[in-house]
Amino acid sequence: MSKLREALRDLPEPVFADLLESDDAYLLVVDLPGASAETTDVSVERGRLHLEARREKAPDREFSYVEEDRPLFLDAEIPLPPDATHEGSEAEMDRGVLSVRLPKRAAASEHEIAVTDA
C-alpha cells in the first residue's frame, strides 16, 4: 500500500484543457472530474474566462478516505484571444468534461468615410 501512496503523491495536479478554433468560434474543453453543471460557474469578464468548479464527494459507503489528492475546488482565470466574445456563448458539462463555445467577433464591415472639402 505504501508504494501506491508514493505513486499518488508524485502525480502532477494540472488542469487538462484544450483550445480549439474554427473560422467563427473558439472551443475550450476542460476536464473537471467529479464536477457537474450545478457545481460549475463560467463567466467572461475583461477578456478573461473565469471558471469555478467544485468536485462532489460521494464515495461508496463501504469505503472511507485514506488519502485524498484531488482538489475539491478549481478557481481559474484564462485569458481569451482578443476576438473572442461572450455574446452567443454556450457551455455544456458532459460527465465531468466542460465545453465552452465562444464566438469570434465579426470582422469589421467595410465602411466608406466621405471626404469633404475644407
PDB file of N, CA and C in Angstrom:
ATOM      1  N   MET A   1       0.825  -1.198   0.000  1.00  0.00           N
ATOM      2  CA  MET A   1       0.000   0.000   0.000  1.00  0.00           C
ATOM      3  C   MET A   1       0.863   1.254   0.000  1.00  0.00           C
ATOM      4  N   SER A   2       2.038   1.245   0.636  1.00  0.00           N
ATOM      5  CA  SER A   2       2.851   2.455   0.717  1.00  0.00           C
ATOM      6  C   SER A   2       3.398   2.867  -0.644  1.00  0.00           C
ATOM      7  N   LYS A   3       3.718   1.898  -1.531  1.00  0.00           N
ATOM      8  CA  LYS A   3       4.189   2.245  -2.866  1.00  0.00           C
ATOM      9  C   LYS A   3       3.084   2.942  -3.656  1.00  0.00           C
ATOM     10  N   LEU A   4       1.864   2.490  -3.474  1.00  0.00           N
ATOM     11  CA  LEU A   4       0.736   3.128  -4.135  1.00  0.00           C
ATOM     12  C   LEU A   4       0.570   4.558  -3.639  1.00  0.00           C
ATOM     13  N   ARG A   5       0.668   4.780  -2.348  1.00  0.00           N
ATOM     14  CA  ARG A   5       0.572   6.136  -1.798  1.00  0.00           C
ATOM     15  C   ARG A   5       1.668   7.038  -2.355  1.00  0.00           C
ATOM     16  N   GLU A   6       2.897   6.522  -2.450  1.00  0.00           N
ATOM     17  CA  GLU A   6       4.003   7.310  -3.001  1.00  0.00           C
ATOM     18  C   GLU A   6       3.741   7.670  -4.461  1.00  0.00           C
ATOM     19  N   ALA A   7       3.223   6.721  -5.221  1.00  0.00           N
ATOM     20  CA  ALA A   7       2.922   6.973  -6.631  1.00  0.00           C
ATOM     21  C   ALA A   7       1.850   8.057  -6.767  1.00  0.00           C
ATOM     22  N   LEU A   8       0.845   8.028  -5.907  1.00  0.00           N
ATOM     23  CA  LEU A   8      -0.218   9.037  -5.960  1.00  0.00           C
ATOM     24  C   LEU A   8       0.313  10.424  -5.605  1.00  0.00           C
ATOM     25  N   ARG A   9       1.249  10.495  -4.671  1.00  0.00           N
ATOM     26  CA  ARG A   9       1.839  11.785  -4.284  1.00  0.00           C
ATOM     27  C   ARG A   9       2.647  12.408  -5.411  1.00  0.00           C
ATOM     28  N   ASP A  10       3.202  11.572  -6.290  1.00  0.00           N
ATOM     29  CA  ASP A  10       4.041  12.068  -7.376  1.00  0.00           C
ATOM     30  C   ASP A  10       3.258  12.509  -8.606  1.00  0.00           C
ATOM     31  N   LEU A  11       1.966  12.269  -8.622  1.00  0.00           N
ATOM     32  CA  LEU A  11       1.173  12.666  -9.787  1.00  0.00           C
ATOM     33  C   LEU A  11       1.074  14.187  -9.866  1.00  0.00           C
ATOM     34  N   PRO A  12       1.185  14.742 -11.066  1.00  0.00           N
ATOM     35  CA  PRO A  12       1.013  16.201 -11.211  1.00  0.00           C
ATOM     36  C   PRO A  12      -0.447  16.589 -11.015  1.00  0.00           C
ATOM     37  N   GLU A  13      -0.665  17.870 -10.689  1.00  0.00           N
ATOM     38  CA  GLU A  13      -2.025  18.357 -10.445  1.00  0.00           C
ATOM     39  C   GLU A  13      -2.480  19.372 -11.498  1.00  0.00           C
ATOM     40  N   PRO A  14      -2.159  19.163 -12.775  1.00  0.00           N
ATOM     41  CA  PRO A  14      -2.574  20.170 -13.755  1.00  0.00           C
ATOM     42  C   PRO A  14      -4.060  20.055 -14.082  1.00  0.00           C
ATOM     43  N   VAL A  15      -4.581  21.114 -14.587  1.00  0.00           N
ATOM     44  CA  VAL A  15      -5.922  21.098 -15.142  1.00  0.00           C
ATOM     45  C   VAL A  15      -5.740  20.848 -16.627  1.00  0.00           C
ATOM     46  N   PHE A  16      -6.326  19.780 -17.115  1.00  0.00           N
ATOM     47  CA  PHE A  16      -6.171  19.441 -18.523  1.00  0.00           C
ATOM     48  C   PHE A  16      -7.201  20.212 -19.338  1.00  0.00           C
ATOM     49  N   ALA A  17      -6.724  20.955 -20.335  1.00  0.00           N
ATOM     50  CA  ALA A  17      -7.616  21.769 -21.161  1.00  0.00           C
ATOM     51  C   ALA A  17      -7.104  21.809 -22.589  1.00  0.00           C
ATOM     52  N   ASP A  18      -8.030  21.871 -23.527  1.00  0.00           N
ATOM     53  CA  ASP A  18      -7.714  22.015 -24.942  1.00  0.00           C
ATOM     54  C   ASP A  18      -8.433  23.244 -25.469  1.00  0.00           C
ATOM     55  N   LEU A  19      -7.778  23.984 -26.355  1.00  0.00           N
ATOM     56  CA  LEU A  19      -8.402  25.121 -27.029  1.00  0.00           C
ATOM     57  C   LEU A  19      -8.439  24.802 -28.509  1.00  0.00           C
ATOM     58  N   LEU A  20      -9.630  24.809 -29.071  1.00  0.00           N
ATOM     59  CA  LEU A  20      -9.820  24.554 -30.491  1.00  0.00           C
ATOM     60  C   LEU A  20     -10.353  25.819 -31.139  1.00  0.00           C
ATOM     61  N   GLU A  21     -10.125  25.959 -32.437  1.00  0.00           N
ATOM     62  CA  GLU A  21     -10.549  27.166 -33.145  1.00  0.00           C
ATOM     63  C   GLU A  21     -11.146  26.800 -34.492  1.00  0.00           C
ATOM     64  N   SER A  22     -12.237  27.467 -34.840  1.00  0.00           N
ATOM     65  CA  SER A  22     -12.823  27.373 -36.177  1.00  0.00           C
ATOM     66  C   SER A  22     -12.833  28.774 -36.763  1.00  0.00           C
ATOM     67  N   ASP A  23     -13.402  28.929 -37.938  1.00  0.00           N
ATOM     68  CA  ASP A  23     -13.458  30.249 -38.553  1.00  0.00           C
ATOM     69  C   ASP A  23     -14.305  31.234 -37.750  1.00  0.00           C
ATOM     70  N   ASP A  24     -15.312  30.713 -37.017  1.00  0.00           N
ATOM     71  CA  ASP A  24     -16.233  31.625 -36.338  1.00  0.00           C
ATOM     72  C   ASP A  24     -16.310  31.477 -34.822  1.00  0.00           C
ATOM     73  N   ALA A  25     -15.503  30.580 -34.230  1.00  0.00           N
ATOM     74  CA  ALA A  25     -15.608  30.403 -32.774  1.00  0.00           C
ATOM     75  C   ALA A  25     -14.365  29.724 -32.198  1.00  0.00           C
ATOM     76  N   TYR A  26     -14.256  29.820 -30.864  1.00  0.00           N
ATOM     77  CA  TYR A  26     -13.267  29.076 -30.089  1.00  0.00           C
ATOM     78  C   TYR A  26     -14.023  28.062 -29.250  1.00  0.00           C
ATOM     79  N   LEU A  27     -13.408  26.923 -29.002  1.00  0.00           N
ATOM     80  CA  LEU A  27     -13.991  25.903 -28.144  1.00  0.00           C
ATOM     81  C   LEU A  27     -12.951  25.515 -27.107  1.00  0.00           C
ATOM     82  N   LEU A  28     -13.280  25.742 -25.848  1.00  0.00           N
ATOM     83  CA  LEU A  28     -12.403  25.371 -24.740  1.00  0.00           C
ATOM     84  C   LEU A  28     -12.997  24.126 -24.091  1.00  0.00           C
ATOM     85  N   VAL A  29     -12.184  23.069 -23.967  1.00  0.00           N
ATOM     86  CA  VAL A  29     -12.614  21.817 -23.361  1.00  0.00           C
ATOM     87  C   VAL A  29     -11.739  21.575 -22.138  1.00  0.00           C
ATOM     88  N   VAL A  30     -12.376  21.460 -20.963  1.00  0.00           N
ATOM     89  CA  VAL A  30     -11.652  21.332 -19.700  1.00  0.00           C
ATOM     90  C   VAL A  30     -12.131  20.091 -18.967  1.00  0.00           C
ATOM     91  N   ASP A  31     -11.192  19.243 -18.539  1.00  0.00           N
ATOM     92  CA  ASP A  31     -11.528  18.069 -17.739  1.00  0.00           C
ATOM     93  C   ASP A  31     -11.721  18.487 -16.292  1.00  0.00           C
ATOM     94  N   LEU A  32     -12.917  18.246 -15.767  1.00  0.00           N
ATOM     95  CA  LEU A  32     -13.245  18.577 -14.375  1.00  0.00           C
ATOM     96  C   LEU A  32     -13.918  17.365 -13.728  1.00  0.00           C
ATOM     97  N   PRO A  33     -13.165  16.283 -13.515  1.00  0.00           N
ATOM     98  CA  PRO A  33     -13.783  15.080 -12.966  1.00  0.00           C
ATOM     99  C   PRO A  33     -14.458  15.343 -11.629  1.00  0.00           C
ATOM    100  N   GLY A  34     -15.684  14.833 -11.518  1.00  0.00           N
ATOM    101  CA  GLY A  34     -16.432  14.998 -10.277  1.00  0.00           C
ATOM    102  C   GLY A  34     -17.269  16.254 -10.229  1.00  0.00           C
ATOM    103  N   ALA A  35     -17.070  17.180 -11.160  1.00  0.00           N
ATOM    104  CA  ALA A  35     -17.871  18.412 -11.197  1.00  0.00           C
ATOM    105  C   ALA A  35     -19.116  18.171 -12.054  1.00  0.00           C
ATOM    106  N   SER A  36     -20.126  18.977 -11.820  1.00  0.00           N
ATOM    107  CA  SER A  36     -21.360  18.899 -12.601  1.00  0.00           C
ATOM    108  C   SER A  36     -21.767  20.307 -13.013  1.00  0.00           C
ATOM    109  N   ALA A  37     -22.816  20.401 -13.819  1.00  0.00           N
ATOM    110  CA  ALA A  37     -23.311  21.713 -14.234  1.00  0.00           C
ATOM    111  C   ALA A  37     -23.747  22.528 -13.018  1.00  0.00           C
ATOM    112  N   GLU A  38     -24.280  21.860 -12.006  1.00  0.00           N
ATOM    113  CA  GLU A  38     -24.746  22.556 -10.805  1.00  0.00           C
ATOM    114  C   GLU A  38     -23.597  23.081  -9.948  1.00  0.00           C
ATOM    115  N   THR A  39     -22.422  22.478 -10.061  1.00  0.00           N
ATOM    116  CA  THR A  39     -21.296  22.886  -9.218  1.00  0.00           C
ATOM    117  C   THR A  39     -20.231  23.655  -9.996  1.00  0.00           C
ATOM    118  N   THR A  40     -20.587  24.105 -11.201  1.00  0.00           N
ATOM    119  CA  THR A  40     -19.626  24.803 -12.060  1.00  0.00           C
ATOM    120  C   THR A  40     -20.197  26.155 -12.490  1.00  0.00           C
ATOM    121  N   ASP A  41     -19.391  27.198 -12.351  1.00  0.00           N
ATOM    122  CA  ASP A  41     -19.768  28.539 -12.811  1.00  0.00           C
ATOM    123  C   ASP A  41     -18.756  28.999 -13.845  1.00  0.00           C
ATOM    124  N   VAL A  42     -19.263  29.583 -14.932  1.00  0.00           N
ATOM    125  CA  VAL A  42     -18.420  30.090 -16.014  1.00  0.00           C
ATOM    126  C   VAL A  42     -18.871  31.513 -16.312  1.00  0.00           C
ATOM    127  N   SER A  43     -17.903  32.433 -16.398  1.00  0.00           N
ATOM    128  CA  SER A  43     -18.234  33.811 -16.762  1.00  0.00           C
ATOM    129  C   SER A  43     -17.085  34.422 -17.549  1.00  0.00           C
ATOM    130  N   VAL A  44     -17.389  35.497 -18.259  1.00  0.00           N
ATOM    131  CA  VAL A  44     -16.377  36.230 -19.018  1.00  0.00           C
ATOM    132  C   VAL A  44     -16.369  37.651 -18.498  1.00  0.00           C
ATOM    133  N   GLU A  45     -15.163  38.132 -18.168  1.00  0.00           N
ATOM    134  CA  GLU A  45     -15.020  39.496 -17.685  1.00  0.00           C
ATOM    135  C   GLU A  45     -13.662  40.034 -18.114  1.00  0.00           C
ATOM    136  N   ARG A  46     -13.672  41.181 -18.754  1.00  0.00           N
ATOM    137  CA  ARG A  46     -12.449  41.874 -19.173  1.00  0.00           C
ATOM    138  C   ARG A  46     -11.459  40.970 -19.913  1.00  0.00           C
ATOM    139  N   GLY A  47     -11.973  40.241 -20.895  1.00  0.00           N
ATOM    140  CA  GLY A  47     -11.097  39.422 -21.718  1.00  0.00           C
ATOM    141  C   GLY A  47     -10.582  38.161 -21.050  1.00  0.00           C
ATOM    142  N   ARG A  48     -11.222  37.764 -19.954  1.00  0.00           N
ATOM    143  CA  ARG A  48     -10.793  36.547 -19.255  1.00  0.00           C
ATOM    144  C   ARG A  48     -12.001  35.654 -18.990  1.00  0.00           C
ATOM    145  N   LEU A  49     -11.775  34.366 -19.163  1.00  0.00           N
ATOM    146  CA  LEU A  49     -12.793  33.384 -18.840  1.00  0.00           C
ATOM    147  C   LEU A  49     -12.558  32.927 -17.406  1.00  0.00           C
ATOM    148  N   HIS A  50     -13.564  33.057 -16.568  1.00  0.00           N
ATOM    149  CA  HIS A  50     -13.465  32.659 -15.155  1.00  0.00           C
ATOM    150  C   HIS A  50     -14.175  31.315 -14.989  1.00  0.00           C
ATOM    151  N   LEU A  51     -13.460  30.351 -14.426  1.00  0.00           N
ATOM    152  CA  LEU A  51     -14.027  29.037 -14.156  1.00  0.00           C
ATOM    153  C   LEU A  51     -13.968  28.763 -12.665  1.00  0.00           C
ATOM    154  N   GLU A  52     -15.093  28.395 -12.104  1.00  0.00           N
ATOM    155  CA  GLU A  52     -15.138  27.934 -10.723  1.00  0.00           C
ATOM    156  C   GLU A  52     -15.900  26.622 -10.735  1.00  0.00           C
ATOM    157  N   ALA A  53     -15.263  25.585 -10.204  1.00  0.00           N
ATOM    158  CA  ALA A  53     -15.902  24.268 -10.186  1.00  0.00           C
ATOM    159  C   ALA A  53     -15.634  23.605  -8.849  1.00  0.00           C
ATOM    160  N   ARG A  54     -16.606  22.845  -8.408  1.00  0.00           N
ATOM    161  CA  ARG A  54     -16.478  22.104  -7.161  1.00  0.00           C
ATOM    162  C   ARG A  54     -16.735  20.633  -7.447  1.00  0.00           C
ATOM    163  N   ARG A  55     -15.855  19.811  -6.985  1.00  0.00           N
ATOM    164  CA  ARG A  55     -16.000  18.364  -7.151  1.00  0.00           C
ATOM    165  C   ARG A  55     -16.919  17.838  -6.064  1.00  0.00           C
ATOM    166  N   GLU A  56     -17.869  17.026  -6.460  1.00  0.00           N
ATOM    167  CA  GLU A  56     -18.760  16.411  -5.497  1.00  0.00           C
ATOM    168  C   GLU A  56     -18.098  15.166  -4.925  1.00  0.00           C
ATOM    169  N   LYS A  57     -18.204  14.980  -3.630  1.00  0.00           N
ATOM    170  CA  LYS A  57     -17.629  13.818  -2.961  1.00  0.00           C
ATOM    171  C   LYS A  57     -18.751  12.860  -2.580  1.00  0.00           C
ATOM    172  N   ALA A  58     -18.700  11.668  -3.148  1.00  0.00           N
ATOM    173  CA  ALA A  58     -19.698  10.665  -2.802  1.00  0.00           C
ATOM    174  C   ALA A  58     -19.091   9.270  -2.923  1.00  0.00           C
ATOM    175  N   PRO A  59     -18.170   8.927  -2.011  1.00  0.00           N
ATOM    176  CA  PRO A  59     -17.576   7.586  -2.087  1.00  0.00           C
ATOM    177  C   PRO A  59     -18.598   6.527  -1.682  1.00  0.00           C
ATOM    178  N   ASP A  60     -18.350   5.303  -2.127  1.00  0.00           N
ATOM    179  CA  ASP A  60     -19.206   4.202  -1.688  1.00  0.00           C
ATOM    180  C   ASP A  60     -19.190   4.142  -0.168  1.00  0.00           C
ATOM    181  N   ARG A  61     -20.303   3.739   0.413  1.00  0.00           N
ATOM    182  CA  ARG A  61     -20.429   3.721   1.875  1.00  0.00           C
ATOM    183  C   ARG A  61     -19.447   2.767   2.544  1.00  0.00           C
ATOM    184  N   GLU A  62     -19.036   1.725   1.836  1.00  0.00           N
ATOM    185  CA  GLU A  62     -18.127   0.761   2.457  1.00  0.00           C
ATOM    186  C   GLU A  62     -16.691   1.265   2.497  1.00  0.00           C
ATOM    187  N   PHE A  63     -16.396   2.391   1.819  1.00  0.00           N
ATOM    188  CA  PHE A  63     -15.047   2.934   1.777  1.00  0.00           C
ATOM    189  C   PHE A  63     -14.982   4.256   2.528  1.00  0.00           C
ATOM    190  N   SER A  64     -13.786   4.549   3.044  1.00  0.00           N
ATOM    191  CA  SER A  64     -13.525   5.863   3.623  1.00  0.00           C
ATOM    192  C   SER A  64     -12.180   6.335   3.071  1.00  0.00           C
ATOM    193  N   TYR A  65     -11.969   7.625   3.070  1.00  0.00           N
ATOM    194  CA  TYR A  65     -10.742   8.187   2.511  1.00  0.00           C
ATOM    195  C   TYR A  65      -9.531   7.853   3.378  1.00  0.00           C
ATOM    196  N   VAL A  66      -8.485   7.345   2.749  1.00  0.00           N
ATOM    197  CA  VAL A  66      -7.196   7.141   3.391  1.00  0.00           C
ATOM    198  C   VAL A  66      -6.320   8.330   3.059  1.00  0.00           C
ATOM    199  N   GLU A  67      -6.378   8.720   1.801  1.00  0.00           N
ATOM    200  CA  GLU A  67      -5.649   9.889   1.334  1.00  0.00           C
ATOM    201  C   GLU A  67      -6.434  10.493   0.187  1.00  0.00           C
ATOM    202  N   GLU A  68      -6.422  11.802   0.113  1.00  0.00           N
ATOM    203  CA  GLU A  68      -7.175  12.494  -0.924  1.00  0.00           C
ATOM    204  C   GLU A  68      -6.273  13.549  -1.546  1.00  0.00           C
ATOM    205  N   ASP A  69      -5.971  13.381  -2.833  1.00  0.00           N
ATOM    206  CA  ASP A  69      -5.052  14.300  -3.502  1.00  0.00           C
ATOM    207  C   ASP A  69      -5.715  15.165  -4.565  1.00  0.00           C
ATOM    208  N   ARG A  70      -6.936  14.870  -4.923  1.00  0.00           N
ATOM    209  CA  ARG A  70      -7.593  15.690  -5.933  1.00  0.00           C
ATOM    210  C   ARG A  70      -8.216  16.901  -5.258  1.00  0.00           C
ATOM    211  N   PRO A  71      -7.991  18.091  -5.800  1.00  0.00           N
ATOM    212  CA  PRO A  71      -8.562  19.278  -5.163  1.00  0.00           C
ATOM    213  C   PRO A  71     -10.089  19.276  -5.257  1.00  0.00           C
ATOM    214  N   LEU A  72     -10.711  19.831  -4.240  1.00  0.00           N
ATOM    215  CA  LEU A  72     -12.170  19.938  -4.233  1.00  0.00           C
ATOM    216  C   LEU A  72     -12.655  21.119  -5.055  1.00  0.00           C
ATOM    217  N   PHE A  73     -11.821  22.143  -5.216  1.00  0.00           N
ATOM    218  CA  PHE A  73     -12.245  23.355  -5.899  1.00  0.00           C
ATOM    219  C   PHE A  73     -11.275  23.708  -7.023  1.00  0.00           C
ATOM    220  N   LEU A  74     -11.806  24.305  -8.062  1.00  0.00           N
ATOM    221  CA  LEU A  74     -10.994  24.896  -9.113  1.00  0.00           C
ATOM    222  C   LEU A  74     -11.455  26.336  -9.251  1.00  0.00           C
ATOM    223  N   ASP A  75     -10.533  27.250  -9.213  1.00  0.00           N
ATOM    224  CA  ASP A  75     -10.815  28.667  -9.430  1.00  0.00           C
ATOM    225  C   ASP A  75      -9.743  29.156 -10.388  1.00  0.00           C
ATOM    226  N   ALA A  76     -10.103  29.334 -11.648  1.00  0.00           N
ATOM    227  CA  ALA A  76      -9.105  29.663 -12.664  1.00  0.00           C
ATOM    228  C   ALA A  76      -9.576  30.819 -13.535  1.00  0.00           C
ATOM    229  N   GLU A  77      -8.612  31.595 -14.005  1.00  0.00           N
ATOM    230  CA  GLU A  77      -8.845  32.661 -14.973  1.00  0.00           C
ATOM    231  C   GLU A  77      -8.013  32.336 -16.202  1.00  0.00           C
ATOM    232  N   ILE A  78      -8.661  32.343 -17.351  1.00  0.00           N
ATOM    233  CA  ILE A  78      -7.974  32.015 -18.597  1.00  0.00           C
ATOM    234  C   ILE A  78      -8.088  33.210 -19.525  1.00  0.00           C
ATOM    235  N   PRO A  79      -6.959  33.789 -19.961  1.00  0.00           N
ATOM    236  CA  PRO A  79      -7.036  34.911 -20.890  1.00  0.00           C
ATOM    237  C   PRO A  79      -7.583  34.437 -22.233  1.00  0.00           C
ATOM    238  N   LEU A  80      -8.471  35.238 -22.799  1.00  0.00           N
ATOM    239  CA  LEU A  80      -9.092  34.885 -24.068  1.00  0.00           C
ATOM    240  C   LEU A  80      -8.423  35.619 -25.229  1.00  0.00           C
ATOM    241  N   PRO A  81      -8.484  35.039 -26.422  1.00  0.00           N
ATOM    242  CA  PRO A  81      -7.997  35.768 -27.593  1.00  0.00           C
ATOM    243  C   PRO A  81      -8.808  37.056 -27.758  1.00  0.00           C
ATOM    244  N   PRO A  82      -8.202  38.106 -28.310  1.00  0.00           N
ATOM    245  CA  PRO A  82      -8.896  39.399 -28.389  1.00  0.00           C
ATOM    246  C   PRO A  82     -10.184  39.377 -29.208  1.00  0.00           C
ATOM    247  N   ASP A  83     -10.306  38.447 -30.155  1.00  0.00           N
ATOM    248  CA  ASP A  83     -11.514  38.431 -30.979  1.00  0.00           C
ATOM    249  C   ASP A  83     -12.618  37.529 -30.416  1.00  0.00           C
ATOM    250  N   ALA A  84     -12.427  36.945 -29.234  1.00  0.00           N
ATOM    251  CA  ALA A  84     -13.470  36.126 -28.614  1.00  0.00           C
ATOM    252  C   ALA A  84     -14.497  37.035 -27.949  1.00  0.00           C
ATOM    253  N   THR A  85     -15.760  36.631 -28.025  1.00  0.00           N
ATOM    254  CA  THR A  85     -16.826  37.412 -27.407  1.00  0.00           C
ATOM    255  C   THR A  85     -17.734  36.498 -26.594  1.00  0.00           C
ATOM    256  N   HIS A  86     -18.333  37.050 -25.561  1.00  0.00           N
ATOM    257  CA  HIS A  86     -19.269  36.275 -24.747  1.00  0.00           C
ATOM    258  C   HIS A  86     -20.660  36.236 -25.369  1.00  0.00           C
ATOM    259  N   GLU A  87     -20.932  37.119 -26.318  1.00  0.00           N
ATOM    260  CA  GLU A  87     -22.260  37.183 -26.937  1.00  0.00           C
ATOM    261  C   GLU A  87     -22.515  35.918 -27.746  1.00  0.00           C
ATOM    262  N   GLY A  88     -23.546  35.189 -27.368  1.00  0.00           N
ATOM    263  CA  GLY A  88     -23.876  33.938 -28.045  1.00  0.00           C
ATOM    264  C   GLY A  88     -23.057  32.755 -27.554  1.00  0.00           C
ATOM    265  N   SER A  89     -22.347  32.914 -26.438  1.00  0.00           N
ATOM    266  CA  SER A  89     -21.520  31.823 -25.925  1.00  0.00           C
ATOM    267  C   SER A  89     -22.401  30.731 -25.310  1.00  0.00           C
ATOM    268  N   GLU A  90     -21.843  29.521 -25.244  1.00  0.00           N
ATOM    269  CA  GLU A  90     -22.552  28.375 -24.687  1.00  0.00           C
ATOM    270  C   GLU A  90     -21.581  27.544 -23.862  1.00  0.00           C
ATOM    271  N   ALA A  91     -22.094  26.899 -22.816  1.00  0.00           N
ATOM    272  CA  ALA A  91     -21.280  25.992 -22.005  1.00  0.00           C
ATOM    273  C   ALA A  91     -22.088  24.737 -21.728  1.00  0.00           C
ATOM    274  N   GLU A  92     -21.386  23.598 -21.748  1.00  0.00           N
ATOM    275  CA  GLU A  92     -22.050  22.320 -21.529  1.00  0.00           C
ATOM    276  C   GLU A  92     -21.128  21.409 -20.726  1.00  0.00           C
ATOM    277  N   MET A  93     -21.705  20.694 -19.773  1.00  0.00           N
ATOM    278  CA  MET A  93     -20.950  19.737 -18.970  1.00  0.00           C
ATOM    279  C   MET A  93     -21.435  18.343 -19.341  1.00  0.00           C
ATOM    280  N   ASP A  94     -20.502  17.461 -19.679  1.00  0.00           N
ATOM    281  CA  ASP A  94     -20.838  16.083 -20.020  1.00  0.00           C
ATOM    282  C   ASP A  94     -19.881  15.151 -19.296  1.00  0.00           C
ATOM    283  N   ARG A  95     -20.362  14.490 -18.255  1.00  0.00           N
ATOM    284  CA  ARG A  95     -19.575  13.526 -17.475  1.00  0.00           C
ATOM    285  C   ARG A  95     -18.226  14.079 -17.031  1.00  0.00           C
ATOM    286  N   GLY A  96     -18.241  15.300 -16.477  1.00  0.00           N
ATOM    287  CA  GLY A  96     -17.022  15.895 -15.942  1.00  0.00           C
ATOM    288  C   GLY A  96     -16.145  16.592 -16.960  1.00  0.00           C
ATOM    289  N   VAL A  97     -16.641  16.749 -18.186  1.00  0.00           N
ATOM    290  CA  VAL A  97     -15.894  17.480 -19.209  1.00  0.00           C
ATOM    291  C   VAL A  97     -16.706  18.723 -19.582  1.00  0.00           C
ATOM    292  N   LEU A  98     -16.116  19.875 -19.334  1.00  0.00           N
ATOM    293  CA  LEU A  98     -16.760  21.151 -19.625  1.00  0.00           C
ATOM    294  C   LEU A  98     -16.342  21.623 -21.013  1.00  0.00           C
ATOM    295  N   SER A  99     -17.322  21.979 -21.846  1.00  0.00           N
ATOM    296  CA  SER A  99     -17.058  22.554 -23.168  1.00  0.00           C
ATOM    297  C   SER A  99     -17.659  23.955 -23.201  1.00  0.00           C
ATOM    298  N   VAL A 100     -16.828  24.938 -23.503  1.00  0.00           N
ATOM    299  CA  VAL A 100     -17.284  26.325 -23.577  1.00  0.00           C
ATOM    300  C   VAL A 100     -17.026  26.815 -24.992  1.00  0.00           C
ATOM    301  N   ARG A 101     -18.112  27.222 -25.677  1.00  0.00           N
ATOM    302  CA  ARG A 101     -18.005  27.744 -27.039  1.00  0.00           C
ATOM    303  C   ARG A 101     -18.140  29.258 -26.993  1.00  0.00           C
ATOM    304  N   LEU A 102     -17.111  29.945 -27.493  1.00  0.00           N
ATOM    305  CA  LEU A 102     -17.098  31.410 -27.522  1.00  0.00           C
ATOM    306  C   LEU A 102     -16.992  31.866 -28.971  1.00  0.00           C
ATOM    307  N   PRO A 103     -18.036  32.518 -29.483  1.00  0.00           N
ATOM    308  CA  PRO A 103     -17.969  33.010 -30.859  1.00  0.00           C
ATOM    309  C   PRO A 103     -16.887  34.075 -31.023  1.00  0.00           C
ATOM    310  N   LYS A 104     -16.438  34.226 -32.253  1.00  0.00           N
ATOM    311  CA  LYS A 104     -15.494  35.300 -32.575  1.00  0.00           C
ATOM    312  C   LYS A 104     -16.300  36.531 -32.954  1.00  0.00           C
ATOM    313  N   ARG A 105     -15.736  37.682 -32.653  1.00  0.00           N
ATOM    314  CA  ARG A 105     -16.378  38.919 -33.093  1.00  0.00           C
ATOM    315  C   ARG A 105     -16.367  38.934 -34.609  1.00  0.00           C
ATOM    316  N   ALA A 106     -17.431  39.437 -35.194  1.00  0.00           N
ATOM    317  CA  ALA A 106     -17.487  39.548 -36.649  1.00  0.00           C
ATOM    318  C   ALA A 106     -16.428  40.537 -37.112  1.00  0.00           C
ATOM    319  N   ALA A 107     -15.825  40.240 -38.217  1.00  0.00           N
ATOM    320  CA  ALA A 107     -14.840  41.168 -38.769  1.00  0.00           C
ATOM    321  C   ALA A 107     -15.538  42.490 -39.058  1.00  0.00           C
ATOM    322  N   ALA A 108     -14.829  43.566 -38.855  1.00  0.00           N
ATOM    323  CA  ALA A 108     -15.417  44.886 -39.073  1.00  0.00           C
ATOM    324  C   ALA A 108     -15.892  44.992 -40.521  1.00  0.00           C
ATOM    325  N   SER A 109     -17.139  45.392 -40.665  1.00  0.00           N
ATOM    326  CA  SER A 109     -17.659  45.542 -42.023  1.00  0.00           C
ATOM    327  C   SER A 109     -17.038  46.777 -42.670  1.00  0.00           C
ATOM    328  N   GLU A 110     -16.997  46.741 -43.959  1.00  0.00           N
ATOM    329  CA  GLU A 110     -16.426  47.888 -44.669  1.00  0.00           C
ATOM    330  C   GLU A 110     -17.343  49.082 -44.505  1.00  0.00           C
ATOM    331  N   HIS A 111     -16.731  50.205 -44.300  1.00  0.00           N
ATOM    332  CA  HIS A 111     -17.500  51.435 -44.120  1.00  0.00           C
ATOM    333  C   HIS A 111     -16.763  52.545 -44.836  1.00  0.00           C
ATOM    334  N   GLU A 112     -17.443  53.150 -45.789  1.00  0.00           N
ATOM    335  CA  GLU A 112     -16.827  54.228 -46.550  1.00  0.00           C
ATOM    336  C   GLU A 112     -16.945  55.527 -45.763  1.00  0.00           C
ATOM    337  N   ILE A 113     -15.862  56.272 -45.703  1.00  0.00           N
ATOM    338  CA  ILE A 113     -15.839  57.549 -44.999  1.00  0.00           C
ATOM    339  C   ILE A 113     -15.775  58.646 -46.059  1.00  0.00           C
ATOM    340  N   ALA A 114     -16.761  59.487 -46.020  1.00  0.00           N
ATOM    341  CA  ALA A 114     -16.817  60.570 -47.016  1.00  0.00           C
ATOM    342  C   ALA A 114     -15.733  61.592 -46.750  1.00  0.00           C
ATOM    343  N   VAL A 115     -15.163  62.092 -47.814  1.00  0.00           N
ATOM    344  CA  VAL A 115     -14.127  63.139 -47.725  1.00  0.00           C
ATOM    345  C   VAL A 115     -14.740  64.427 -48.255  1.00  0.00           C
ATOM    346  N   THR A 116     -14.674  65.481 -47.459  1.00  0.00           N
ATOM    347  CA  THR A 116     -15.236  66.763 -47.865  1.00  0.00           C
ATOM    348  C   THR A 116     -14.157  67.799 -47.998  1.00  0.00           C
ATOM    349  N   ASP A 117     -14.455  68.837 -48.781  1.00  0.00           N
ATOM    350  CA  ASP A 117     -13.525  69.947 -48.900  1.00  0.00           C
ATOM    351  C   ASP A 117     -13.608  70.817 -47.655  1.00  0.00           C
ATOM    352  N   ALA A 118     -12.481  71.376 -47.273  1.00  0.00           N
ATOM    353  CA  ALA A 118     -12.434  72.235 -46.099  1.00  0.00           C
ATOM    354  C   ALA A 118     -12.908  73.629 -46.432  1.00  0.00           C
TER     355      ALA A 118
END
